[in-house]
Amino acid sequence: MAAQRVSWVLGAALLVVSATGCKKKEVQVAKKIVYNGPAAETTNVLTLLSDSAKLQIRLTAPVEQTFETGDQIYPKGVKVSFYGDGGRTVINTLEGKYAKYDKAKNLYVVRGDVRVANQQKQQKMNTEELFYDRVKAIIYTDPKMEVRVQTPAEILTGEGLTANQDFSRYSILKPTGVFDAPIAK
């Protein structure tokens, strides 16, 4: 009887051990991680765009990040110089603390203390966000964006601006002030 009891206890113990040992282990599948960051990062960027071997645009930036889509981000700012006179003279400059190029729209968005300056006409424009459309060769702001334009004779303020890329012709959509500025001699 004692032997039966021992064999019965051993049988029960083996059954418990084998039952727990036969459980299927759950396989943990690693979640697929999708990388959305830049495919390439370049420092001290210099990009030259020309037409018929004549310099049209010079873009410089401390950092350029390029993404799989072809979009580019300039997180530390950008400066764009527009050339005329067969690529020998800077007509206009555009700079800001941050920029993004949307390849699908062929559109630059420049933000943070955006400055545009036409060297020949001595005109300057300041705003916080500006769009540059390379295909249409225009620069513009959102209609509600505040702008300030300074010429040798006056200071103009208002909301919204459209201009050609060399900033030789522009219009403020909703002017709010015209002020005579003293002419420096």
N, C-alpha and C. Protein backbone atom coordinates (compact mmCIF):
# COMPACT_ATOMS: atom_id res chain seq x y z
N MET A 1 0.82 -1.16 0.00
CA MET A 1 0.00 0.00 0.00
C MET A 1 0.87 1.24 0.00
N ALA A 2 1.94 1.20 0.70
CA ALA A 2 2.84 2.33 0.73
C ALA A 2 3.49 2.49 -0.62
N ALA A 3 3.76 1.37 -1.30
CA ALA A 3 4.38 1.44 -2.62
C ALA A 3 3.41 2.03 -3.63
N GLN A 4 2.10 1.68 -3.47
CA GLN A 4 1.10 2.25 -4.38
C GLN A 4 0.99 3.75 -4.18
N ARG A 5 1.05 4.13 -2.92
CA ARG A 5 0.94 5.54 -2.61
C ARG A 5 2.12 6.32 -3.20
N VAL A 6 3.31 5.79 -3.10
CA VAL A 6 4.50 6.45 -3.60
C VAL A 6 4.41 6.53 -5.12
N SER A 7 3.99 5.45 -5.79
CA SER A 7 3.90 5.48 -7.25
C SER A 7 2.81 6.44 -7.70
N TRP A 8 1.71 6.48 -6.90
CA TRP A 8 0.65 7.42 -7.24
C TRP A 8 1.14 8.86 -7.09
N VAL A 9 1.90 9.22 -6.07
CA VAL A 9 2.43 10.56 -5.83
C VAL A 9 3.44 10.89 -6.92
N LEU A 10 4.28 9.91 -7.27
CA LEU A 10 5.26 10.14 -8.32
C LEU A 10 4.56 10.36 -9.66
N GLY A 11 3.52 9.58 -9.93
CA GLY A 11 2.76 9.74 -11.18
C GLY A 11 2.10 11.10 -11.25
N ALA A 12 1.53 11.56 -10.15
CA ALA A 12 0.89 12.88 -10.12
C ALA A 12 1.92 13.98 -10.31
N ALA A 13 3.09 13.81 -9.69
CA ALA A 13 4.15 14.81 -9.82
C ALA A 13 4.64 14.87 -11.26
N LEU A 14 4.82 13.69 -11.90
CA LEU A 14 5.24 13.67 -13.30
C LEU A 14 4.20 14.32 -14.21
N LEU A 15 2.94 14.07 -13.91
CA LEU A 15 1.86 14.66 -14.70
C LEU A 15 1.88 16.18 -14.60
N VAL A 16 2.10 16.69 -13.39
CA VAL A 16 2.15 18.15 -13.18
C VAL A 16 3.35 18.73 -13.92
N VAL A 17 4.51 18.08 -13.80
CA VAL A 17 5.73 18.57 -14.43
C VAL A 17 5.59 18.53 -15.95
N SER A 18 5.05 17.43 -16.47
CA SER A 18 4.91 17.33 -17.92
C SER A 18 3.86 18.29 -18.44
N ALA A 19 2.82 18.56 -17.69
CA ALA A 19 1.77 19.49 -18.12
C ALA A 19 2.32 20.92 -18.19
N THR A 20 3.13 21.28 -17.22
CA THR A 20 3.67 22.63 -17.24
C THR A 20 4.78 22.74 -18.27
N GLY A 21 5.49 21.69 -18.53
CA GLY A 21 6.57 21.72 -19.51
C GLY A 21 6.05 21.73 -20.93
N CYS A 22 4.83 21.35 -21.19
CA CYS A 22 4.30 21.26 -22.55
C CYS A 22 3.55 22.52 -22.98
N LYS A 23 3.47 23.50 -22.11
CA LYS A 23 2.78 24.73 -22.50
C LYS A 23 3.53 25.40 -23.64
N LYS A 24 2.77 25.95 -24.57
CA LYS A 24 3.39 26.67 -25.68
C LYS A 24 3.91 28.00 -25.16
N LYS A 25 5.11 28.28 -25.52
CA LYS A 25 5.67 29.57 -25.14
C LYS A 25 5.19 30.61 -26.16
N GLU A 26 4.79 31.76 -25.64
CA GLU A 26 4.34 32.82 -26.53
C GLU A 26 5.55 33.45 -27.21
N VAL A 27 5.47 33.53 -28.50
CA VAL A 27 6.55 34.13 -29.27
C VAL A 27 6.26 35.62 -29.38
N GLN A 28 7.21 36.41 -28.92
CA GLN A 28 7.03 37.86 -29.00
C GLN A 28 7.58 38.35 -30.33
N VAL A 29 6.69 38.93 -31.10
CA VAL A 29 7.08 39.46 -32.40
C VAL A 29 7.46 40.92 -32.21
N ALA A 30 8.64 41.25 -32.66
CA ALA A 30 9.10 42.64 -32.54
C ALA A 30 8.28 43.52 -33.48
N LYS A 31 7.86 44.67 -32.96
CA LYS A 31 7.10 45.60 -33.79
C LYS A 31 8.04 46.22 -34.81
N LYS A 32 7.53 46.39 -36.01
CA LYS A 32 8.33 46.99 -37.08
C LYS A 32 8.48 48.48 -36.79
N ILE A 33 9.69 48.92 -36.78
CA ILE A 33 9.97 50.32 -36.51
C ILE A 33 10.19 51.02 -37.85
N VAL A 34 9.44 52.08 -38.08
CA VAL A 34 9.56 52.84 -39.32
C VAL A 34 10.37 54.09 -39.02
N TYR A 35 11.47 54.26 -39.73
CA TYR A 35 12.33 55.42 -39.55
C TYR A 35 11.82 56.55 -40.44
N ASN A 36 11.54 57.69 -39.84
CA ASN A 36 11.03 58.84 -40.58
C ASN A 36 12.03 59.98 -40.65
N GLY A 37 13.21 59.75 -40.15
CA GLY A 37 14.22 60.80 -40.12
C GLY A 37 14.88 60.99 -41.47
N PRO A 38 15.87 61.88 -41.50
CA PRO A 38 16.54 62.18 -42.77
C PRO A 38 17.34 60.99 -43.29
N ALA A 39 17.37 60.86 -44.61
CA ALA A 39 18.19 59.83 -45.26
C ALA A 39 19.64 60.30 -45.36
N ALA A 40 19.82 61.61 -45.38
CA ALA A 40 21.18 62.17 -45.46
C ALA A 40 21.19 63.53 -44.75
N GLU A 41 22.34 63.86 -44.19
CA GLU A 41 22.53 65.16 -43.56
C GLU A 41 23.87 65.72 -44.03
N THR A 42 23.83 66.96 -44.51
CA THR A 42 25.02 67.60 -45.04
C THR A 42 25.27 68.88 -44.28
N THR A 43 26.53 69.18 -44.00
CA THR A 43 26.87 70.43 -43.32
C THR A 43 27.58 71.36 -44.30
N ASN A 44 27.52 72.64 -44.00
CA ASN A 44 28.15 73.68 -44.82
C ASN A 44 27.73 73.54 -46.29
N VAL A 45 26.44 73.64 -46.52
CA VAL A 45 25.85 73.41 -47.83
C VAL A 45 26.03 74.62 -48.74
N LEU A 46 26.38 74.36 -49.98
CA LEU A 46 26.42 75.37 -51.03
C LEU A 46 25.78 74.75 -52.26
N THR A 47 24.62 75.28 -52.66
CA THR A 47 23.91 74.79 -53.84
C THR A 47 23.82 75.93 -54.85
N LEU A 48 24.25 75.65 -56.08
CA LEU A 48 24.20 76.64 -57.14
C LEU A 48 23.23 76.17 -58.21
N LEU A 49 22.31 77.03 -58.61
CA LEU A 49 21.37 76.74 -59.69
C LEU A 49 21.64 77.70 -60.83
N SER A 50 21.77 77.14 -62.02
CA SER A 50 22.08 77.99 -63.17
C SER A 50 21.14 77.68 -64.32
N ASP A 51 21.12 78.58 -65.27
CA ASP A 51 20.36 78.41 -66.50
C ASP A 51 21.26 78.85 -67.64
N SER A 52 21.49 77.99 -68.60
CA SER A 52 22.39 78.28 -69.73
C SER A 52 23.76 78.71 -69.23
N ALA A 53 24.26 78.01 -68.22
CA ALA A 53 25.59 78.25 -67.63
C ALA A 53 25.71 79.62 -66.98
N LYS A 54 24.58 80.24 -66.63
CA LYS A 54 24.60 81.52 -65.93
C LYS A 54 23.98 81.32 -64.56
N LEU A 55 24.71 81.73 -63.54
CA LEU A 55 24.26 81.56 -62.16
C LEU A 55 22.95 82.31 -61.93
N GLN A 56 21.95 81.60 -61.40
CA GLN A 56 20.64 82.20 -61.10
C GLN A 56 20.43 82.32 -59.59
N ILE A 57 20.74 81.22 -58.86
CA ILE A 57 20.46 81.15 -57.43
C ILE A 57 21.63 80.49 -56.72
N ARG A 58 21.97 81.04 -55.56
CA ARG A 58 23.01 80.47 -54.69
C ARG A 58 22.37 80.27 -53.32
N LEU A 59 22.34 79.02 -52.85
CA LEU A 59 21.76 78.70 -51.55
C LEU A 59 22.87 78.21 -50.63
N THR A 60 22.96 78.79 -49.43
CA THR A 60 23.91 78.33 -48.43
C THR A 60 23.16 78.05 -47.14
N ALA A 61 23.66 77.04 -46.40
CA ALA A 61 23.04 76.67 -45.13
C ALA A 61 24.05 75.90 -44.29
N PRO A 62 23.99 76.06 -42.96
CA PRO A 62 24.88 75.29 -42.09
C PRO A 62 24.57 73.79 -42.13
N VAL A 63 23.28 73.43 -42.22
CA VAL A 63 22.87 72.02 -42.22
C VAL A 63 21.71 71.83 -43.19
N GLU A 64 21.77 70.74 -43.96
CA GLU A 64 20.67 70.36 -44.84
C GLU A 64 20.35 68.89 -44.58
N GLN A 65 19.10 68.60 -44.29
CA GLN A 65 18.66 67.22 -44.10
C GLN A 65 17.76 66.85 -45.27
N THR A 66 18.08 65.73 -45.94
CA THR A 66 17.32 65.27 -47.10
C THR A 66 16.57 64.00 -46.72
N PHE A 67 15.29 63.94 -47.09
CA PHE A 67 14.43 62.81 -46.73
C PHE A 67 14.17 61.94 -47.96
N GLU A 68 13.65 60.73 -47.71
CA GLU A 68 13.35 59.77 -48.79
C GLU A 68 12.44 60.38 -49.85
N THR A 69 11.55 61.27 -49.47
CA THR A 69 10.61 61.89 -50.40
C THR A 69 11.27 62.94 -51.30
N GLY A 70 12.50 63.32 -50.97
CA GLY A 70 13.17 64.40 -51.69
C GLY A 70 13.02 65.73 -51.00
N ASP A 71 12.16 65.79 -49.96
CA ASP A 71 12.01 67.01 -49.18
C ASP A 71 13.32 67.30 -48.46
N GLN A 72 13.55 68.58 -48.19
CA GLN A 72 14.76 68.99 -47.48
C GLN A 72 14.39 69.95 -46.36
N ILE A 73 15.14 69.85 -45.27
CA ILE A 73 14.95 70.75 -44.14
C ILE A 73 16.28 71.41 -43.83
N TYR A 74 16.21 72.70 -43.54
CA TYR A 74 17.38 73.48 -43.15
C TYR A 74 17.12 73.96 -41.72
N PRO A 75 17.41 73.12 -40.72
CA PRO A 75 17.02 73.43 -39.34
C PRO A 75 17.80 74.57 -38.70
N LYS A 76 18.94 74.93 -39.27
CA LYS A 76 19.75 76.00 -38.69
C LYS A 76 19.79 77.24 -39.57
N GLY A 77 18.82 77.34 -40.48
CA GLY A 77 18.71 78.53 -41.30
C GLY A 77 19.20 78.32 -42.72
N VAL A 78 18.88 79.33 -43.55
CA VAL A 78 19.23 79.29 -44.96
C VAL A 78 19.39 80.71 -45.47
N LYS A 79 20.25 80.86 -46.48
CA LYS A 79 20.39 82.14 -47.17
C LYS A 79 20.38 81.84 -48.66
N VAL A 80 19.49 82.54 -49.39
CA VAL A 80 19.36 82.36 -50.83
C VAL A 80 19.68 83.70 -51.49
N SER A 81 20.58 83.66 -52.45
CA SER A 81 20.93 84.86 -53.22
C SER A 81 20.44 84.65 -54.65
N PHE A 82 19.74 85.65 -55.17
CA PHE A 82 19.23 85.62 -56.54
C PHE A 82 20.14 86.52 -57.39
N TYR A 83 20.58 85.99 -58.52
CA TYR A 83 21.54 86.70 -59.36
C TYR A 83 20.90 87.22 -60.64
N GLY A 84 21.44 88.31 -61.13
CA GLY A 84 21.05 88.89 -62.41
C GLY A 84 22.31 89.23 -63.18
N ASP A 85 22.16 89.96 -64.26
CA ASP A 85 23.31 90.39 -65.06
C ASP A 85 24.18 89.20 -65.45
N GLY A 86 23.52 88.15 -65.94
CA GLY A 86 24.25 86.97 -66.40
C GLY A 86 24.95 86.20 -65.29
N GLY A 87 24.44 86.33 -64.07
CA GLY A 87 25.02 85.60 -62.94
C GLY A 87 26.18 86.30 -62.27
N ARG A 88 26.37 87.58 -62.57
CA ARG A 88 27.50 88.32 -61.99
C ARG A 88 27.12 89.21 -60.83
N THR A 89 25.82 89.57 -60.71
CA THR A 89 25.40 90.53 -59.70
C THR A 89 24.30 89.95 -58.82
N VAL A 90 24.45 90.12 -57.50
CA VAL A 90 23.39 89.72 -56.58
C VAL A 90 22.30 90.79 -56.64
N ILE A 91 21.08 90.36 -57.00
CA ILE A 91 19.95 91.27 -57.09
C ILE A 91 19.20 91.32 -55.77
N ASN A 92 19.04 90.14 -55.17
CA ASN A 92 18.16 90.00 -54.02
C ASN A 92 18.67 88.88 -53.11
N THR A 93 18.44 89.01 -51.82
CA THR A 93 18.75 87.93 -50.89
C THR A 93 17.52 87.61 -50.06
N LEU A 94 17.43 86.36 -49.64
CA LEU A 94 16.34 85.88 -48.80
C LEU A 94 16.97 85.01 -47.74
N GLU A 95 16.67 85.29 -46.46
CA GLU A 95 17.23 84.46 -45.40
C GLU A 95 16.26 84.31 -44.24
N GLY A 96 16.41 83.19 -43.53
CA GLY A 96 15.58 82.91 -42.37
C GLY A 96 16.26 81.89 -41.47
N LYS A 97 15.72 81.73 -40.28
CA LYS A 97 16.32 80.84 -39.28
C LYS A 97 15.98 79.37 -39.49
N TYR A 98 14.98 79.08 -40.33
CA TYR A 98 14.56 77.70 -40.61
C TYR A 98 13.93 77.68 -41.99
N ALA A 99 14.14 76.59 -42.72
CA ALA A 99 13.51 76.47 -44.03
C ALA A 99 13.20 75.01 -44.32
N LYS A 100 12.19 74.82 -45.15
CA LYS A 100 11.82 73.48 -45.61
C LYS A 100 11.52 73.58 -47.09
N TYR A 101 12.03 72.58 -47.84
CA TYR A 101 11.75 72.50 -49.27
C TYR A 101 10.83 71.31 -49.49
N ASP A 102 9.65 71.58 -50.07
CA ASP A 102 8.68 70.53 -50.40
C ASP A 102 8.88 70.19 -51.87
N LYS A 103 9.48 69.03 -52.14
CA LYS A 103 9.81 68.66 -53.52
C LYS A 103 8.57 68.51 -54.39
N ALA A 104 7.50 67.91 -53.84
CA ALA A 104 6.28 67.69 -54.63
C ALA A 104 5.68 69.01 -55.13
N LYS A 105 5.77 70.06 -54.33
CA LYS A 105 5.21 71.36 -54.70
C LYS A 105 6.27 72.31 -55.27
N ASN A 106 7.55 71.91 -55.21
CA ASN A 106 8.67 72.76 -55.61
C ASN A 106 8.57 74.11 -54.91
N LEU A 107 8.37 74.04 -53.58
CA LEU A 107 8.08 75.22 -52.77
C LEU A 107 8.96 75.24 -51.53
N TYR A 108 9.55 76.40 -51.25
CA TYR A 108 10.32 76.60 -50.02
C TYR A 108 9.44 77.35 -49.04
N VAL A 109 9.51 76.95 -47.77
CA VAL A 109 8.87 77.68 -46.68
C VAL A 109 10.00 78.14 -45.77
N VAL A 110 10.11 79.44 -45.56
CA VAL A 110 11.18 80.01 -44.74
C VAL A 110 10.53 80.65 -43.52
N ARG A 111 11.06 80.34 -42.33
CA ARG A 111 10.45 80.84 -41.09
C ARG A 111 11.50 81.43 -40.15
N GLY A 112 11.03 82.28 -39.27
CA GLY A 112 11.86 82.83 -38.20
C GLY A 112 12.73 83.98 -38.67
N ASP A 113 12.33 85.20 -38.35
CA ASP A 113 13.08 86.40 -38.70
C ASP A 113 13.48 86.38 -40.18
N VAL A 114 12.49 86.25 -41.04
CA VAL A 114 12.73 86.19 -42.49
C VAL A 114 13.04 87.59 -43.00
N ARG A 115 14.12 87.67 -43.78
CA ARG A 115 14.55 88.95 -44.34
C ARG A 115 14.75 88.81 -45.84
N VAL A 116 14.22 89.78 -46.56
CA VAL A 116 14.41 89.86 -48.01
C VAL A 116 15.01 91.23 -48.27
N ALA A 117 16.04 91.27 -49.12
CA ALA A 117 16.68 92.55 -49.41
C ALA A 117 17.03 92.63 -50.88
N ASN A 118 16.50 93.68 -51.55
CA ASN A 118 16.85 93.96 -52.93
C ASN A 118 18.01 94.95 -52.88
N GLN A 119 19.18 94.50 -53.32
CA GLN A 119 20.39 95.32 -53.21
C GLN A 119 20.30 96.58 -54.08
N GLN A 120 19.84 96.42 -55.32
CA GLN A 120 19.82 97.54 -56.26
C GLN A 120 18.84 98.64 -55.83
N LYS A 121 17.66 98.26 -55.38
CA LYS A 121 16.64 99.25 -55.01
C LYS A 121 16.71 99.64 -53.53
N GLN A 122 17.61 99.02 -52.79
CA GLN A 122 17.78 99.28 -51.36
C GLN A 122 16.46 99.10 -50.61
N GLN A 123 15.77 98.02 -50.92
CA GLN A 123 14.50 97.69 -50.25
C GLN A 123 14.74 96.49 -49.34
N LYS A 124 14.10 96.54 -48.17
CA LYS A 124 14.21 95.43 -47.21
C LYS A 124 12.82 95.05 -46.75
N MET A 125 12.62 93.76 -46.53
CA MET A 125 11.33 93.27 -46.04
C MET A 125 11.59 92.31 -44.90
N ASN A 126 10.76 92.41 -43.86
CA ASN A 126 10.84 91.50 -42.72
C ASN A 126 9.47 90.89 -42.46
N THR A 127 9.47 89.60 -42.10
CA THR A 127 8.26 88.88 -41.72
C THR A 127 8.68 87.64 -40.94
N GLU A 128 7.74 86.85 -40.50
CA GLU A 128 8.06 85.63 -39.76
C GLU A 128 7.93 84.36 -40.58
N GLU A 129 7.20 84.41 -41.70
CA GLU A 129 7.08 83.24 -42.56
C GLU A 129 6.86 83.70 -44.00
N LEU A 130 7.57 83.03 -44.92
CA LEU A 130 7.51 83.41 -46.31
C LEU A 130 7.60 82.15 -47.17
N PHE A 131 6.94 82.17 -48.33
CA PHE A 131 6.97 81.06 -49.27
C PHE A 131 7.70 81.51 -50.52
N TYR A 132 8.52 80.63 -51.07
CA TYR A 132 9.22 80.91 -52.32
C TYR A 132 8.88 79.79 -53.31
N ASP A 133 8.21 80.17 -54.39
CA ASP A 133 7.82 79.24 -55.44
C ASP A 133 8.81 79.38 -56.59
N ARG A 134 9.67 78.37 -56.76
CA ARG A 134 10.71 78.44 -57.80
C ARG A 134 10.12 78.41 -59.20
N VAL A 135 9.05 77.64 -59.41
CA VAL A 135 8.46 77.52 -60.74
C VAL A 135 7.87 78.86 -61.19
N LYS A 136 7.11 79.51 -60.31
CA LYS A 136 6.48 80.78 -60.65
C LYS A 136 7.40 81.97 -60.43
N ALA A 137 8.56 81.74 -59.80
CA ALA A 137 9.53 82.80 -59.49
C ALA A 137 8.90 83.92 -58.67
N ILE A 138 8.14 83.53 -57.62
CA ILE A 138 7.51 84.53 -56.74
C ILE A 138 7.80 84.20 -55.29
N ILE A 139 7.72 85.22 -54.47
CA ILE A 139 7.74 85.06 -53.02
C ILE A 139 6.44 85.64 -52.49
N TYR A 140 5.92 85.03 -51.44
CA TYR A 140 4.65 85.53 -50.88
C TYR A 140 4.51 85.06 -49.44
N THR A 141 3.57 85.70 -48.74
CA THR A 141 3.26 85.33 -47.37
C THR A 141 1.79 84.94 -47.28
N ASP A 142 1.43 84.39 -46.17
CA ASP A 142 0.03 84.15 -45.87
C ASP A 142 -0.65 85.52 -45.83
N PRO A 143 -1.91 85.61 -46.27
CA PRO A 143 -2.59 86.92 -46.28
C PRO A 143 -2.68 87.60 -44.90
N LYS A 144 -2.62 86.85 -43.82
CA LYS A 144 -2.71 87.45 -42.48
C LYS A 144 -1.35 87.69 -41.83
N MET A 145 -0.26 87.32 -42.52
CA MET A 145 1.08 87.48 -41.96
C MET A 145 1.51 88.94 -42.00
N GLU A 146 2.01 89.44 -40.88
CA GLU A 146 2.48 90.82 -40.81
C GLU A 146 3.79 90.96 -41.58
N VAL A 147 3.90 92.07 -42.32
CA VAL A 147 5.12 92.36 -43.08
C VAL A 147 5.53 93.80 -42.86
N ARG A 148 6.81 94.03 -43.04
CA ARG A 148 7.36 95.39 -42.93
C ARG A 148 8.34 95.57 -44.08
N VAL A 149 8.10 96.59 -44.89
CA VAL A 149 8.97 96.88 -46.03
C VAL A 149 9.59 98.25 -45.81
N GLN A 150 10.91 98.32 -45.96
CA GLN A 150 11.62 99.58 -45.80
C GLN A 150 12.31 99.92 -47.11
N THR A 151 12.05 101.14 -47.60
CA THR A 151 12.71 101.65 -48.80
C THR A 151 13.54 102.86 -48.36
N PRO A 152 14.34 103.44 -49.24
CA PRO A 152 15.10 104.63 -48.83
C PRO A 152 14.21 105.80 -48.40
N ALA A 153 12.95 105.82 -48.85
CA ALA A 153 12.09 106.96 -48.56
C ALA A 153 10.96 106.68 -47.56
N GLU A 154 10.63 105.40 -47.32
CA GLU A 154 9.48 105.12 -46.46
C GLU A 154 9.54 103.74 -45.82
N ILE A 155 8.69 103.58 -44.81
CA ILE A 155 8.51 102.29 -44.16
C ILE A 155 7.04 101.92 -44.31
N LEU A 156 6.78 100.77 -44.92
CA LEU A 156 5.42 100.30 -45.16
C LEU A 156 5.17 99.08 -44.28
N THR A 157 3.99 99.01 -43.69
CA THR A 157 3.61 97.85 -42.90
C THR A 157 2.25 97.36 -43.36
N GLY A 158 1.96 96.11 -43.04
CA GLY A 158 0.68 95.56 -43.42
C GLY A 158 0.62 94.07 -43.24
N GLU A 159 -0.40 93.47 -43.84
CA GLU A 159 -0.60 92.02 -43.76
C GLU A 159 -0.58 91.46 -45.17
N GLY A 160 0.17 90.40 -45.36
CA GLY A 160 0.23 89.71 -46.64
C GLY A 160 1.08 90.44 -47.66
N LEU A 161 1.85 89.67 -48.42
CA LEU A 161 2.71 90.26 -49.43
C LEU A 161 2.88 89.27 -50.57
N THR A 162 2.92 89.79 -51.78
CA THR A 162 3.31 89.00 -52.95
C THR A 162 4.35 89.82 -53.69
N ALA A 163 5.36 89.13 -54.25
CA ALA A 163 6.43 89.82 -54.96
C ALA A 163 7.08 88.88 -55.95
N ASN A 164 7.73 89.47 -56.95
CA ASN A 164 8.54 88.63 -57.82
C ASN A 164 9.80 88.24 -57.04
N GLN A 165 10.52 87.21 -57.51
CA GLN A 165 11.59 86.66 -56.69
C GLN A 165 12.75 87.63 -56.46
N ASP A 166 12.92 88.62 -57.35
CA ASP A 166 14.01 89.57 -57.11
C ASP A 166 13.55 90.77 -56.27
N PHE A 167 12.29 90.75 -55.85
CA PHE A 167 11.72 91.77 -54.96
C PHE A 167 11.78 93.17 -55.58
N SER A 168 11.78 93.25 -56.90
CA SER A 168 11.77 94.56 -57.55
C SER A 168 10.34 95.10 -57.66
N ARG A 169 9.35 94.19 -57.67
CA ARG A 169 7.93 94.58 -57.65
C ARG A 169 7.24 93.79 -56.55
N TYR A 170 6.46 94.48 -55.73
CA TYR A 170 5.76 93.80 -54.65
C TYR A 170 4.47 94.52 -54.35
N SER A 171 3.57 93.82 -53.67
CA SER A 171 2.36 94.47 -53.19
C SER A 171 2.02 93.92 -51.81
N ILE A 172 1.63 94.82 -50.94
CA ILE A 172 1.16 94.45 -49.60
C ILE A 172 -0.35 94.34 -49.71
N LEU A 173 -0.89 93.18 -49.34
CA LEU A 173 -2.31 92.92 -49.54
C LEU A 173 -3.22 93.81 -48.70
N LYS A 174 -2.83 94.05 -47.44
CA LYS A 174 -3.64 94.89 -46.56
C LYS A 174 -2.69 95.87 -45.84
N PRO A 175 -2.41 97.01 -46.47
CA PRO A 175 -1.51 97.98 -45.84
C PRO A 175 -2.10 98.56 -44.56
N THR A 176 -1.24 98.75 -43.58
CA THR A 176 -1.71 99.35 -42.32
C THR A 176 -0.95 100.63 -41.97
N GLY A 177 0.11 100.92 -42.70
CA GLY A 177 0.82 102.15 -42.39
C GLY A 177 1.87 102.50 -43.43
N VAL A 178 2.03 103.79 -43.67
CA VAL A 178 3.09 104.31 -44.53
C VAL A 178 3.74 105.42 -43.72
N PHE A 179 5.04 105.34 -43.58
CA PHE A 179 5.75 106.32 -42.77
C PHE A 179 6.95 106.82 -43.54
N ASP A 180 7.14 108.13 -43.55
CA ASP A 180 8.33 108.69 -44.17
C ASP A 180 9.52 108.38 -43.26
N ALA A 181 10.59 107.95 -43.86
CA ALA A 181 11.81 107.67 -43.11
C ALA A 181 12.83 108.71 -43.51
N PRO A 182 13.62 109.16 -42.55
CA PRO A 182 14.65 110.14 -42.90
C PRO A 182 15.66 109.49 -43.84
N ILE A 183 16.07 110.26 -44.85
CA ILE A 183 17.06 109.75 -45.82
C ILE A 183 18.44 110.05 -45.27
N ALA A 184 19.21 108.98 -45.08
CA ALA A 184 20.56 109.14 -44.56
C ALA A 184 21.47 109.69 -45.64
N LYS A 185 22.34 110.61 -45.24
CA LYS A 185 23.29 111.20 -46.20
C LYS A 185 24.67 110.85 -45.80
